[in-house]
Amino acid sequence: MTDQTTEDYAFGPLHHVQLAIPPGAEDQCRAFWGDILGMTELEKPPVLAARGGCWFRGGGLEVHLGVEADFRPSKKAHPGILVRNLRAFAKRLEAKGVEVTWDDNFPGHDRFYAFDSLGNRLEFLEPVADS
């Protein structure tokens, strides 16, 4: 697969991924995304902060957690998050009580699934070196 490019535009890496959260769940998100995953919370612009939610950044990834009044966790849809040293990261999650489910059905990658503290599905993966 190649990058899609035309004379007028080119796709680059993602700026952020947004996941839904229920009203009032910001502290629960801080505990998961900040304390467990080790990401840094970002200050939202005031006009957006008034809507609730919170934003986090770690490595080159930014995650925006936005409030939805009729929140339902994403059980199938998910972000695929690249992680360097995936096995060590999985051990960190497990040590903090997060269940990790390994899946070897994606050629060229080690990967596992986990759920955030609100039930949103997350995929973590790392390319494997050619044997």
C-alpha atoms as a PDB file:
ATOM      1  CA  MET A   1       0.000   0.000   0.000  1.00  0.00           C
ATOM      2  CA  THR A   2       1.351   3.454  -0.847  1.00  0.00           C
ATOM      3  CA  ASP A   3       0.598   6.878   0.579  1.00  0.00           C
ATOM      4  CA  GLN A   4      -2.227   8.609  -1.272  1.00  0.00           C
ATOM      5  CA  THR A   5      -0.901  11.791  -2.882  1.00  0.00           C
ATOM      6  CA  THR A   6      -2.202  14.129  -5.560  1.00  0.00           C
ATOM      7  CA  GLU A   7      -1.050  17.475  -6.861  1.00  0.00           C
ATOM      8  CA  ASP A   8      -3.341  19.167  -4.339  1.00  0.00           C
ATOM      9  CA  TYR A   9      -2.806  17.253  -1.105  1.00  0.00           C
ATOM     10  CA  ALA A  10      -1.042  14.399   0.675  1.00  0.00           C
ATOM     11  CA  PHE A  11      -2.061  12.392   3.725  1.00  0.00           C
ATOM     12  CA  GLY A  12       0.337  12.439   6.636  1.00  0.00           C
ATOM     13  CA  PRO A  13       0.342  10.774  10.034  1.00  0.00           C
ATOM     14  CA  LEU A  14      -2.756  11.209  12.201  1.00  0.00           C
ATOM     15  CA  HIS A  15      -2.903  14.272  14.407  1.00  0.00           C
ATOM     16  CA  HIS A  16      -5.142  12.569  16.990  1.00  0.00           C
ATOM     17  CA  VAL A  17      -7.725   9.896  17.640  1.00  0.00           C
ATOM     18  CA  GLN A  18     -10.918  10.690  19.526  1.00  0.00           C
ATOM     19  CA  LEU A  19     -12.743   8.228  21.742  1.00  0.00           C
ATOM     20  CA  ALA A  20     -16.066   8.802  23.468  1.00  0.00           C
ATOM     21  CA  ILE A  21     -16.499   8.959  27.234  1.00  0.00           C
ATOM     22  CA  PRO A  22     -19.581   9.483  29.412  1.00  0.00           C
ATOM     23  CA  PRO A  23     -20.192  12.787  31.205  1.00  0.00           C
ATOM     24  CA  GLY A  24     -18.127  13.115  34.381  1.00  0.00           C
ATOM     25  CA  ALA A  25     -15.565  10.401  33.509  1.00  0.00           C
ATOM     26  CA  GLU A  26     -12.533  12.693  33.195  1.00  0.00           C
ATOM     27  CA  ASP A  27     -10.893  11.518  36.441  1.00  0.00           C
ATOM     28  CA  GLN A  28     -11.347   7.892  35.395  1.00  0.00           C
ATOM     29  CA  CYS A  29      -9.673   8.760  32.075  1.00  0.00           C
ATOM     30  CA  ARG A  30      -6.803  10.498  33.873  1.00  0.00           C
ATOM     31  CA  ALA A  31      -6.234   7.371  35.944  1.00  0.00           C
ATOM     32  CA  PHE A  32      -6.108   5.154  32.836  1.00  0.00           C
ATOM     33  CA  TRP A  33      -4.485   7.316  30.146  1.00  0.00           C
ATOM     34  CA  GLY A  34      -2.213   9.227  32.524  1.00  0.00           C
ATOM     35  CA  ASP A  35      -1.378   6.888  35.398  1.00  0.00           C
ATOM     36  CA  ILE A  36      -1.625   3.461  33.733  1.00  0.00           C
ATOM     37  CA  LEU A  37      -0.507   4.259  30.177  1.00  0.00           C
ATOM     38  CA  GLY A  38       1.872   7.030  31.236  1.00  0.00           C
ATOM     39  CA  MET A  39       0.647   9.667  28.780  1.00  0.00           C
ATOM     40  CA  THR A  40       0.760  13.403  29.525  1.00  0.00           C
ATOM     41  CA  GLU A  41      -2.486  15.332  29.844  1.00  0.00           C
ATOM     42  CA  LEU A  42      -2.733  18.360  27.572  1.00  0.00           C
ATOM     43  CA  GLU A  43      -4.521  21.579  28.400  1.00  0.00           C
ATOM     44  CA  LYS A  44      -7.545  21.954  26.163  1.00  0.00           C
ATOM     45  CA  PRO A  45      -8.326  25.344  24.639  1.00  0.00           C
ATOM     46  CA  PRO A  46     -10.899  27.095  26.884  1.00  0.00           C
ATOM     47  CA  VAL A  47     -13.740  26.953  24.352  1.00  0.00           C
ATOM     48  CA  LEU A  48     -13.235  23.178  24.034  1.00  0.00           C
ATOM     49  CA  ALA A  49     -12.572  22.602  27.742  1.00  0.00           C
ATOM     50  CA  ALA A  50     -16.084  23.889  28.456  1.00  0.00           C
ATOM     51  CA  ARG A  51     -17.438  20.800  26.663  1.00  0.00           C
ATOM     52  CA  GLY A  52     -15.721  18.425  29.100  1.00  0.00           C
ATOM     53  CA  GLY A  53     -13.420  15.578  28.216  1.00  0.00           C
ATOM     54  CA  CYS A  54      -9.638  15.550  28.262  1.00  0.00           C
ATOM     55  CA  TRP A  55      -6.671  15.138  25.927  1.00  0.00           C
ATOM     56  CA  PHE A  56      -3.467  13.111  26.299  1.00  0.00           C
ATOM     57  CA  ARG A  57      -0.195  12.788  24.398  1.00  0.00           C
ATOM     58  CA  GLY A  58       2.482  10.111  24.488  1.00  0.00           C
ATOM     59  CA  GLY A  59       5.215   9.652  21.913  1.00  0.00           C
ATOM     60  CA  GLY A  60       3.746  10.774  18.624  1.00  0.00           C
ATOM     61  CA  LEU A  61       0.178   9.892  19.617  1.00  0.00           C
ATOM     62  CA  GLU A  62      -2.521  12.275  20.780  1.00  0.00           C
ATOM     63  CA  VAL A  63      -5.809  10.946  22.165  1.00  0.00           C
ATOM     64  CA  HIS A  64      -8.843  13.180  22.656  1.00  0.00           C
ATOM     65  CA  LEU A  65     -11.536  11.870  24.976  1.00  0.00           C
ATOM     66  CA  GLY A  66     -14.817  13.593  24.194  1.00  0.00           C
ATOM     67  CA  VAL A  67     -18.031  13.540  26.190  1.00  0.00           C
ATOM     68  CA  GLU A  68     -21.107  11.893  24.653  1.00  0.00           C
ATOM     69  CA  ALA A  69     -24.343  12.048  26.630  1.00  0.00           C
ATOM     70  CA  ASP A  70     -25.496   8.657  25.308  1.00  0.00           C
ATOM     71  CA  PHE A  71     -22.053   7.045  25.649  1.00  0.00           C
ATOM     72  CA  ARG A  72     -21.591   3.424  24.626  1.00  0.00           C
ATOM     73  CA  PRO A  73     -18.058   1.993  24.667  1.00  0.00           C
ATOM     74  CA  SER A  74     -16.563   0.919  21.352  1.00  0.00           C
ATOM     75  CA  LYS A  75     -16.327  -2.866  21.556  1.00  0.00           C
ATOM     76  CA  LYS A  76     -15.191  -3.399  17.944  1.00  0.00           C
ATOM     77  CA  ALA A  77     -14.021  -0.039  16.532  1.00  0.00           C
ATOM     78  CA  HIS A  78     -10.638   0.921  17.966  1.00  0.00           C
ATOM     79  CA  PRO A  79      -7.437   2.867  17.427  1.00  0.00           C
ATOM     80  CA  GLY A  80      -4.389   0.801  16.467  1.00  0.00           C
ATOM     81  CA  ILE A  81      -1.537   2.209  18.550  1.00  0.00           C
ATOM     82  CA  LEU A  82       2.081   1.452  17.620  1.00  0.00           C
ATOM     83  CA  VAL A  83       4.254   0.684  20.644  1.00  0.00           C
ATOM     84  CA  ARG A  84       7.984   0.148  20.848  1.00  0.00           C
ATOM     85  CA  ASN A  85       8.859  -2.761  23.189  1.00  0.00           C
ATOM     86  CA  LEU A  86       5.322  -4.128  23.141  1.00  0.00           C
ATOM     87  CA  ARG A  87       5.958  -7.038  25.510  1.00  0.00           C
ATOM     88  CA  ALA A  88       7.301  -4.758  28.251  1.00  0.00           C
ATOM     89  CA  PHE A  89       4.300  -2.471  27.739  1.00  0.00           C
ATOM     90  CA  ALA A  90       1.930  -5.448  28.061  1.00  0.00           C
ATOM     91  CA  LYS A  91       3.613  -6.419  31.344  1.00  0.00           C
ATOM     92  CA  ARG A  92       3.125  -2.852  32.619  1.00  0.00           C
ATOM     93  CA  LEU A  93      -0.582  -2.981  31.820  1.00  0.00           C
ATOM     94  CA  GLU A  94      -1.040  -6.399  33.408  1.00  0.00           C
ATOM     95  CA  ALA A  95       0.804  -5.258  36.543  1.00  0.00           C
ATOM     96  CA  LYS A  96      -1.732  -2.419  36.798  1.00  0.00           C
ATOM     97  CA  GLY A  97      -4.683  -4.793  36.451  1.00  0.00           C
ATOM     98  CA  VAL A  98      -5.440  -4.310  32.741  1.00  0.00           C
ATOM     99  CA  GLU A  99      -6.301  -7.523  30.893  1.00  0.00           C
ATOM    100  CA  VAL A 100      -4.228  -8.066  27.744  1.00  0.00           C
ATOM    101  CA  THR A 101      -5.451 -10.406  24.970  1.00  0.00           C
ATOM    102  CA  TRP A 102      -2.763 -11.381  22.462  1.00  0.00           C
ATOM    103  CA  ASP A 103      -3.735 -11.898  18.827  1.00  0.00           C
ATOM    104  CA  ASP A 104      -1.317 -13.278  16.222  1.00  0.00           C
ATOM    105  CA  ASN A 105      -3.635 -12.849  13.220  1.00  0.00           C
ATOM    106  CA  PHE A 106      -1.997  -9.712  11.786  1.00  0.00           C
ATOM    107  CA  PRO A 107       1.056 -10.710   9.713  1.00  0.00           C
ATOM    108  CA  GLY A 108       4.239  -8.790  10.366  1.00  0.00           C
ATOM    109  CA  HIS A 109       3.132  -7.521  13.781  1.00  0.00           C
ATOM    110  CA  ASP A 110       2.911  -8.614  17.381  1.00  0.00           C
ATOM    111  CA  ARG A 111      -0.288  -7.246  18.856  1.00  0.00           C
ATOM    112  CA  PHE A 112      -2.729  -7.388  21.700  1.00  0.00           C
ATOM    113  CA  TYR A 113      -6.065  -5.891  22.627  1.00  0.00           C
ATOM    114  CA  ALA A 114      -7.045  -4.245  25.878  1.00  0.00           C
ATOM    115  CA  PHE A 115      -9.945  -2.092  27.027  1.00  0.00           C
ATOM    116  CA  ASP A 116      -9.695   1.292  28.680  1.00  0.00           C
ATOM    117  CA  SER A 117     -11.388   1.793  32.046  1.00  0.00           C
ATOM    118  CA  LEU A 118     -14.647   2.740  30.276  1.00  0.00           C
ATOM    119  CA  GLY A 119     -14.760  -0.323  28.027  1.00  0.00           C
ATOM    120  CA  ASN A 120     -13.393   1.170  24.784  1.00  0.00           C
ATOM    121  CA  ARG A 121     -11.372  -1.364  22.772  1.00  0.00           C
ATOM    122  CA  LEU A 122      -7.714  -0.529  22.130  1.00  0.00           C
ATOM    123  CA  GLU A 123      -5.220  -2.344  19.887  1.00  0.00           C
ATOM    124  CA  PHE A 124      -1.492  -2.102  20.604  1.00  0.00           C
ATOM    125  CA  LEU A 125       0.951  -3.419  18.032  1.00  0.00           C
ATOM    126  CA  GLU A 126       4.595  -3.536  17.048  1.00  0.00           C
ATOM    127  CA  PRO A 127       6.121  -4.540  13.720  1.00  0.00           C
ATOM    128  CA  VAL A 128       8.263  -7.668  13.920  1.00  0.00           C
ATOM    129  CA  ALA A 129      11.607  -7.963  12.196  1.00  0.00           C
ATOM    130  CA  ASP A 130      11.757 -10.243   9.169  1.00  0.00           C
ATOM    131  CA  SER A 131      13.050 -13.695  10.096  1.00  0.00           C
END
